[in-house]
Amino acid sequence: MRVDQAQSSIQGKSYVFTVVVEPDEDRWHAYAPALVSQGGATWGYTKEEALANIGEAVRLVVESLKERGDPIPTEPAGLKPTWSDWDC
C-alpha cells in the first residue's frame, strides 16, 4: 500500500487529501479516504495512471461539493502520508 497526498485548488483555496494507491490483481486501485463516499475512488492499469486518475477524481469531487455548497470533508484520523511531493 502506498499513501500519498492529493492537492486541489478550487476558487483560490487549497485542499490536501490523503490518497491510498494499492495493487489489485492486474490493476491499481486509488482512493481518497475522506472522499470515497462522494466518488473519490478510481483505478488505472499502472500506478502512474491510477495517481493521475485519482487527482482528477479529487478535483471533480471538490468542485462538485463547492458548487452545491456542501462542506468539504476532513481527513480521517490515523493515515499518514509516506510520500507527499505529488500535486494533482
Foldseek 3Di string as FASTA:
>chain_A
DAKEWEWEADPNDIDIFIKDWADDVQWIKIAGVQCVVQPQIDIGSDSVVRVVVSNVRVHVSVVVCVVVVHDRGDHDPDDDHPYYPDYD
